[in-house]
Amino acid sequence: MHAMVLKRARSALEWTQIADRDPLPGQIRLRVTACGVCRTDLHVIDGELPDPKVPIIPGHEIVGRIDAIGDGVEGLQLGQRVGVPWLAHTCGVCPYCRSQAENLCDQPLFTGYTRDGGYATATIADARFAFPLGEQGADVALAPLLCAGLIGWRSLRLAGDGQVIGLYGFGAAGHIVAQIAQWQGRTVYAFTRPGDAATQAFARSLGVSWAGGSDEAPPRPLDAAIIYAVVGALVPSALRAVRKGGRVVCAGIHMSDIPTFPYRLLWEERHLLSVANLTRQDGIDFLALAPQIAIRTQTTTYPLEQANQALADLRAGRFEGAAVLIP
């Protein structure tokens, strides 16, 4: 097999040939057919997340076909198309796992961070954390759903039942969540970098009711705001935009420091929340619903060996929607 490997933090990925590995008991091996490029991959590569396993193969929005099955695996079969997300393994015994909050597990493993991921022609996964995808939809279109979609889904649930939702950052997750929220009958406002006319036009093409800069006030107070951008300064901006009793959800795994802000922005029972990882139930619920919503993912594809270029383009904001690597 071949893979793009991070051998040390803050360095370019290296094209590497690796011997094929057989799955251990409870594991599957799949031939990767598509792997999304997520901003979390940048956080791993740039050393912004602590203690990655290096060398590591990044990538946690994996679509592939099972080509080997370890002992003890049930419910999956050779040739089946599955998706592998960020959460790769949980201990099953800590208080969080035992209270249906496995996203907060005390001893987790994460795909592409502490366990090899999908920037490769093949990968090994814990069978319990692989989602059957069926045969509807193209591999490239499905890949962003495995993180941008799943974290977007979880963040939307944490945002509550409010009807007016503001999305700060309109990339991979934002453009998926906008479609889900509108399918639910909600009004969506998109906030982009100030002056980013192209992304605002992209948001309007997906039906949002308003698109403007993050330095602008929305047409009316928000019931909830979800922040996908990694800019901590957006937290007080979002608090200003939500109504009394409204919610601000920080949906990223990493964010720059949040500046001090006056207590009055939080007062009147506004809520400030964060999203951490996902649960398998999130995946089951969202992936069952996605075909009904008919989510249209905007993707830019790159050959696997051009992963460094895809990451550079993501960092610079050179495409709308999501990037996907094709082995």
Protein backbone atom coordinates (compact mmCIF):
# COMPACT_ATOMS: atom_id res chain seq x y z
CA MET A 1 0.00 0.00 0.00
CA HIS A 2 0.96 3.66 -0.36
CA ALA A 3 0.23 6.49 2.03
CA MET A 4 0.92 10.15 2.69
CA VAL A 5 2.65 10.07 6.07
CA LEU A 6 3.30 12.78 8.68
CA LYS A 7 6.70 11.89 10.11
CA ARG A 8 7.01 14.91 12.38
CA ALA A 9 4.70 17.78 13.29
CA ARG A 10 4.80 20.95 11.23
CA SER A 11 6.28 19.22 8.20
CA ALA A 12 4.99 18.15 4.79
CA LEU A 13 3.47 14.72 4.32
CA GLU A 14 5.71 12.18 2.62
CA TRP A 15 4.65 9.68 -0.07
CA THR A 16 5.55 6.33 1.48
CA GLN A 17 5.24 2.67 0.54
CA ILE A 18 4.09 0.50 3.46
CA ALA A 19 3.62 -3.25 3.67
CA ASP A 20 0.00 -4.34 3.64
CA ARG A 21 -1.32 -5.08 7.12
CA ASP A 22 -3.82 -7.76 8.09
CA PRO A 23 -6.70 -6.90 10.43
CA LEU A 24 -6.50 -8.13 14.00
CA PRO A 25 -9.53 -9.63 15.79
CA GLY A 26 -12.37 -7.10 15.78
CA GLN A 27 -10.87 -5.15 12.89
CA ILE A 28 -11.47 -4.75 9.18
CA ARG A 29 -9.23 -3.66 6.34
CA LEU A 30 -10.62 -1.54 3.57
CA ARG A 31 -9.35 -0.30 0.26
CA VAL A 32 -9.81 3.43 0.42
CA THR A 33 -11.83 4.91 -2.44
CA ALA A 34 -12.09 8.49 -1.11
CA CYS A 35 -10.90 10.43 1.94
CA GLY A 36 -12.02 13.92 2.82
CA VAL A 37 -9.56 16.61 3.87
CA CYS A 38 -10.68 18.18 7.15
CA ARG A 39 -9.45 21.26 9.01
CA THR A 40 -8.73 18.94 11.94
CA ASP A 41 -6.06 17.35 9.72
CA LEU A 42 -4.40 20.77 9.62
CA HIS A 43 -4.51 20.98 13.41
CA VAL A 44 -2.77 17.59 13.63
CA ILE A 45 -0.16 18.44 10.99
CA ASP A 46 0.49 21.94 12.37
CA GLY A 47 1.04 20.61 15.89
CA GLU A 48 -1.98 22.41 17.34
CA LEU A 49 -3.36 19.18 18.85
CA PRO A 50 -1.20 17.60 21.57
CA ASP A 51 0.61 14.27 21.42
CA PRO A 52 -0.22 12.87 17.97
CA LYS A 53 1.12 9.44 17.19
CA VAL A 54 3.97 9.98 14.75
CA PRO A 55 4.59 8.80 12.20
CA ILE A 56 0.88 8.97 11.44
CA ILE A 57 -1.27 8.67 8.33
CA PRO A 58 -3.83 11.51 8.58
CA GLY A 59 -7.42 11.45 7.36
CA HIS A 60 -10.70 10.61 9.09
CA GLU A 61 -13.40 11.03 6.44
CA ILE A 62 -12.82 7.64 4.88
CA VAL A 63 -14.92 5.76 2.35
CA GLY A 64 -13.81 2.35 1.19
CA ARG A 65 -14.60 -1.30 0.47
CA ILE A 66 -13.84 -4.05 2.98
CA ASP A 67 -11.24 -6.46 1.61
CA ALA A 68 -10.25 -8.35 4.78
CA ILE A 69 -12.11 -9.14 8.01
CA GLY A 70 -10.54 -10.09 11.35
CA ASP A 71 -11.83 -12.75 13.69
CA GLY A 72 -14.93 -11.99 15.70
CA VAL A 73 -16.37 -9.35 13.38
CA GLU A 74 -20.10 -9.67 12.81
CA GLY A 75 -22.53 -7.79 10.56
CA LEU A 76 -20.01 -6.76 7.90
CA GLN A 77 -18.93 -8.56 4.73
CA LEU A 78 -16.24 -8.48 2.08
CA GLY A 79 -16.85 -5.89 -0.62
CA GLN A 80 -19.21 -3.84 1.53
CA ARG A 81 -18.86 -0.06 1.36
CA VAL A 82 -18.27 1.53 4.77
CA GLY A 83 -17.26 4.87 6.22
CA VAL A 84 -14.70 5.42 8.97
CA PRO A 85 -15.00 8.61 11.08
CA TRP A 86 -12.83 10.55 13.57
CA LEU A 87 -13.76 8.45 16.62
CA ALA A 88 -11.84 5.21 16.13
CA HIS A 89 -12.13 3.40 19.48
CA THR A 90 -13.46 3.89 22.99
CA CYS A 91 -12.72 2.02 26.19
CA GLY A 92 -16.34 1.05 26.90
CA VAL A 93 -15.86 1.07 30.68
CA CYS A 94 -15.32 4.67 31.80
CA PRO A 95 -18.25 6.67 33.25
CA TYR A 96 -18.76 8.47 29.94
CA CYS A 97 -18.92 5.30 27.85
CA ARG A 98 -21.34 3.77 30.36
CA SER A 99 -23.63 6.83 30.22
CA GLN A 100 -24.02 7.02 26.42
CA ALA A 101 -21.44 9.79 26.16
CA GLU A 102 -18.67 7.86 24.44
CA ASN A 103 -17.60 11.04 22.63
CA LEU A 104 -16.08 12.04 25.99
CA CYS A 105 -14.34 8.68 26.61
CA ASP A 106 -11.33 8.86 28.93
CA GLN A 107 -9.19 6.58 26.72
CA PRO A 108 -10.24 7.12 23.11
CA LEU A 109 -8.40 6.63 19.84
CA PHE A 110 -8.91 8.97 16.91
CA THR A 111 -8.54 8.18 13.22
CA GLY A 112 -5.67 10.06 11.62
CA TYR A 113 -4.42 11.38 14.97
CA THR A 114 -3.67 8.51 17.33
CA ARG A 115 -4.50 5.76 14.85
CA ASP A 116 -3.58 5.65 11.14
CA GLY A 117 -6.19 7.14 8.86
CA GLY A 118 -7.26 7.36 5.26
CA TYR A 119 -4.61 9.33 3.33
CA ALA A 120 -3.67 5.93 1.94
CA THR A 121 -4.69 3.24 -0.49
CA ALA A 122 -5.79 1.02 2.42
CA THR A 123 -6.47 1.33 6.13
CA ILE A 124 -7.34 -0.76 9.18
CA ALA A 125 -10.36 0.14 11.34
CA ASP A 126 -12.16 -1.11 14.42
CA ALA A 127 -15.22 -2.81 12.93
CA ARG A 128 -17.46 -1.37 15.66
CA PHE A 129 -16.62 2.15 14.48
CA ALA A 130 -17.23 1.63 10.76
CA PHE A 131 -20.58 2.72 9.34
CA PRO A 132 -22.24 0.79 6.48
CA LEU A 133 -22.96 3.31 3.70
CA GLY A 134 -25.09 1.32 1.30
CA GLU A 135 -24.80 1.93 -2.42
CA GLN A 136 -26.57 5.26 -2.82
CA GLY A 137 -24.32 8.21 -3.64
CA ALA A 138 -20.80 8.59 -4.97
CA ASP A 139 -17.79 7.89 -2.76
CA VAL A 140 -16.44 11.43 -3.18
CA ALA A 141 -19.79 12.99 -2.22
CA LEU A 142 -20.10 10.81 0.87
CA ALA A 143 -16.61 11.37 2.29
CA PRO A 144 -17.27 14.85 3.81
CA LEU A 145 -20.28 13.47 5.65
CA LEU A 146 -17.96 11.38 7.85
CA CYS A 147 -16.76 14.41 9.83
CA ALA A 148 -18.01 17.72 8.44
CA GLY A 149 -21.47 16.18 8.27
CA LEU A 150 -21.32 14.31 11.58
CA ILE A 151 -19.88 17.16 13.62
CA GLY A 152 -22.27 19.50 11.84
CA TRP A 153 -25.17 17.24 12.81
CA ARG A 154 -24.07 17.07 16.45
CA SER A 155 -23.55 20.83 16.63
CA LEU A 156 -26.99 21.46 15.14
CA ARG A 157 -28.56 19.21 17.76
CA LEU A 158 -26.73 21.08 20.55
CA ALA A 159 -27.97 24.35 19.07
CA GLY A 160 -31.50 23.36 20.10
CA ASP A 161 -34.80 23.77 18.34
CA GLY A 162 -34.53 27.47 17.48
CA GLN A 163 -35.79 28.54 14.08
CA VAL A 164 -33.15 31.15 13.18
CA ILE A 165 -29.65 29.67 12.97
CA GLY A 166 -26.44 31.56 12.23
CA LEU A 167 -23.42 29.69 10.82
CA TYR A 168 -20.05 31.36 11.37
CA GLY A 169 -17.75 29.85 8.76
CA PHE A 170 -19.22 28.35 5.61
CA GLY A 171 -16.83 25.62 4.60
CA ALA A 172 -17.24 21.85 4.61
CA ALA A 173 -19.43 21.64 7.72
CA GLY A 174 -21.31 24.88 7.18
CA HIS A 175 -22.48 24.07 3.68
CA ILE A 176 -23.78 20.67 4.85
CA VAL A 177 -25.49 21.98 7.98
CA ALA A 178 -27.18 24.77 6.02
CA GLN A 179 -28.92 22.12 3.94
CA ILE A 180 -29.95 20.06 6.97
CA ALA A 181 -31.33 23.08 8.83
CA GLN A 182 -33.33 24.26 5.83
CA TRP A 183 -34.71 20.74 5.32
CA GLN A 184 -35.88 20.99 8.94
CA GLY A 185 -37.70 24.20 8.10
CA ARG A 186 -35.29 26.59 9.78
CA THR A 187 -34.01 29.96 8.59
CA VAL A 188 -30.24 30.01 8.03
CA TYR A 189 -27.90 33.00 8.00
CA ALA A 190 -24.30 32.51 6.81
CA PHE A 191 -21.41 34.55 8.21
CA THR A 192 -18.12 34.56 6.28
CA ARG A 193 -14.84 36.44 6.38
CA PRO A 194 -15.60 40.13 5.89
CA GLY A 195 -15.72 40.92 2.19
CA ASP A 196 -15.70 37.27 1.03
CA ALA A 197 -18.20 37.76 -1.76
CA ALA A 198 -17.48 34.38 -3.37
CA THR A 199 -18.35 32.36 -0.26
CA GLN A 200 -21.40 34.53 0.40
CA ALA A 201 -22.60 33.84 -3.14
CA PHE A 202 -21.95 30.12 -2.61
CA ALA A 203 -24.05 30.22 0.59
CA ARG A 204 -26.90 31.95 -1.23
CA SER A 205 -26.75 29.32 -3.97
CA LEU A 206 -27.59 26.77 -1.28
CA GLY A 207 -30.65 28.72 -0.23
CA VAL A 208 -29.59 30.57 2.92
CA SER A 209 -31.80 33.54 3.72
CA TRP A 210 -28.92 35.97 4.28
CA ALA A 211 -25.14 35.93 3.85
CA GLY A 212 -22.72 38.55 5.08
CA GLY A 213 -19.47 39.19 6.88
CA SER A 214 -18.82 38.08 10.44
CA ASP A 215 -18.47 41.77 11.32
CA GLU A 216 -22.10 42.42 10.34
CA ALA A 217 -25.26 42.13 12.40
CA PRO A 218 -27.83 39.60 11.15
CA PRO A 219 -31.22 40.81 9.89
CA ARG A 220 -32.76 39.71 13.18
CA PRO A 221 -31.52 38.15 16.42
CA LEU A 222 -30.46 34.51 16.17
CA ASP A 223 -31.96 31.70 18.21
CA ALA A 224 -28.58 29.97 18.00
CA ALA A 225 -25.18 30.43 16.40
CA ILE A 226 -22.74 27.68 15.46
CA ILE A 227 -19.09 28.61 15.00
CA TYR A 228 -17.14 26.45 12.55
CA ALA A 229 -14.34 28.96 11.96
CA VAL A 230 -11.29 28.57 14.22
CA VAL A 231 -11.31 32.23 15.29
CA GLY A 232 -11.91 32.74 19.01
CA ALA A 233 -12.85 36.39 18.44
CA LEU A 234 -16.08 35.18 16.85
CA VAL A 235 -17.41 34.02 20.23
CA PRO A 236 -18.28 37.50 21.53
CA SER A 237 -19.54 38.44 18.06
CA ALA A 238 -21.91 35.47 18.08
CA LEU A 239 -23.06 36.23 21.63
CA ARG A 240 -23.98 39.72 20.48
CA ALA A 241 -26.03 38.22 17.64
CA VAL A 242 -28.14 35.74 19.64
CA ARG A 243 -31.32 36.62 21.47
CA LYS A 244 -31.90 36.30 25.21
CA GLY A 245 -31.75 32.61 26.13
CA GLY A 246 -30.00 31.83 22.83
CA ARG A 247 -27.10 29.45 22.30
CA VAL A 248 -23.62 29.75 20.84
CA VAL A 249 -22.03 26.42 19.91
CA CYS A 250 -18.29 26.18 19.24
CA ALA A 251 -17.99 23.26 16.86
CA GLY A 252 -14.24 22.97 16.24
CA ILE A 253 -11.68 20.81 18.03
CA HIS A 254 -9.28 23.77 18.15
CA MET A 255 -9.81 27.53 18.25
CA SER A 256 -7.62 30.55 18.78
CA ASP A 257 -7.92 32.19 22.19
CA ILE A 258 -11.26 33.76 23.01
CA PRO A 259 -10.77 37.43 23.92
CA THR A 260 -12.22 38.86 27.11
CA PHE A 261 -15.73 40.19 26.73
CA PRO A 262 -18.21 41.94 29.01
CA TYR A 263 -20.48 39.75 31.09
CA ARG A 264 -23.52 41.47 29.62
CA LEU A 265 -22.98 39.50 26.39
CA LEU A 266 -23.49 36.23 28.28
CA TRP A 267 -26.13 37.53 30.69
CA GLU A 268 -29.87 36.96 30.09
CA GLU A 269 -29.32 33.20 30.11
CA ARG A 270 -27.36 32.89 26.91
CA HIS A 271 -25.55 29.55 26.63
CA LEU A 272 -22.00 28.95 25.43
CA LEU A 273 -21.30 25.31 24.48
CA SER A 274 -18.64 23.22 22.75
CA VAL A 275 -18.86 20.08 20.65
CA ALA A 276 -16.47 17.20 21.32
CA ASN A 277 -16.09 14.38 18.81
CA LEU A 278 -19.16 12.25 18.07
CA THR A 279 -20.90 9.11 19.19
CA ARG A 280 -21.68 6.09 17.06
CA GLN A 281 -25.36 6.90 17.55
CA ASP A 282 -24.73 10.29 15.94
CA GLY A 283 -23.40 8.43 12.92
CA ILE A 284 -26.28 5.99 12.77
CA ASP A 285 -28.87 8.75 13.07
CA PHE A 286 -27.27 11.16 10.61
CA LEU A 287 -26.28 8.69 7.90
CA ALA A 288 -29.78 7.21 7.93
CA LEU A 289 -31.25 10.69 7.46
CA ALA A 290 -28.78 12.05 4.89
CA PRO A 291 -30.34 10.31 1.85
CA GLN A 292 -33.76 11.76 2.75
CA ILE A 293 -32.29 15.26 2.89
CA ALA A 294 -30.52 14.74 -0.44
CA ILE A 295 -27.46 16.64 0.78
CA ARG A 296 -25.37 18.04 -2.06
CA THR A 297 -21.72 18.23 -1.07
CA GLN A 298 -19.51 20.66 -2.98
CA THR A 299 -16.18 18.89 -3.49
CA THR A 300 -12.80 19.54 -5.06
CA THR A 301 -10.83 16.36 -5.73
CA TYR A 302 -7.08 15.73 -5.62
CA PRO A 303 -5.00 12.62 -6.28
CA LEU A 304 -3.77 11.09 -3.04
CA GLU A 305 -0.17 12.06 -3.75
CA GLN A 306 -1.26 15.73 -3.91
CA ALA A 307 -2.47 15.77 -0.30
CA ASN A 308 -0.04 18.56 0.60
CA GLN A 309 -1.53 20.76 -2.12
CA ALA A 310 -5.06 19.99 -0.90
CA LEU A 311 -4.06 20.97 2.64
CA ALA A 312 -2.44 24.18 1.42
CA ASP A 313 -5.55 25.07 -0.57
CA LEU A 314 -7.74 24.39 2.48
CA ARG A 315 -5.55 26.61 4.65
CA ALA A 316 -5.73 29.41 2.08
CA GLY A 317 -9.48 29.03 1.42
CA ARG A 318 -9.00 28.38 -2.30
CA PHE A 319 -12.13 26.25 -2.77
CA GLU A 320 -15.73 26.17 -1.59
CA GLY A 321 -17.07 23.20 0.32
CA ALA A 322 -14.71 20.28 0.92
CA ALA A 323 -11.58 18.72 -0.57
CA VAL A 324 -11.43 14.97 -1.17
CA LEU A 325 -8.40 12.77 -1.92
CA ILE A 326 -8.71 9.95 -4.46
CA PRO A 327 -6.20 7.08 -4.16
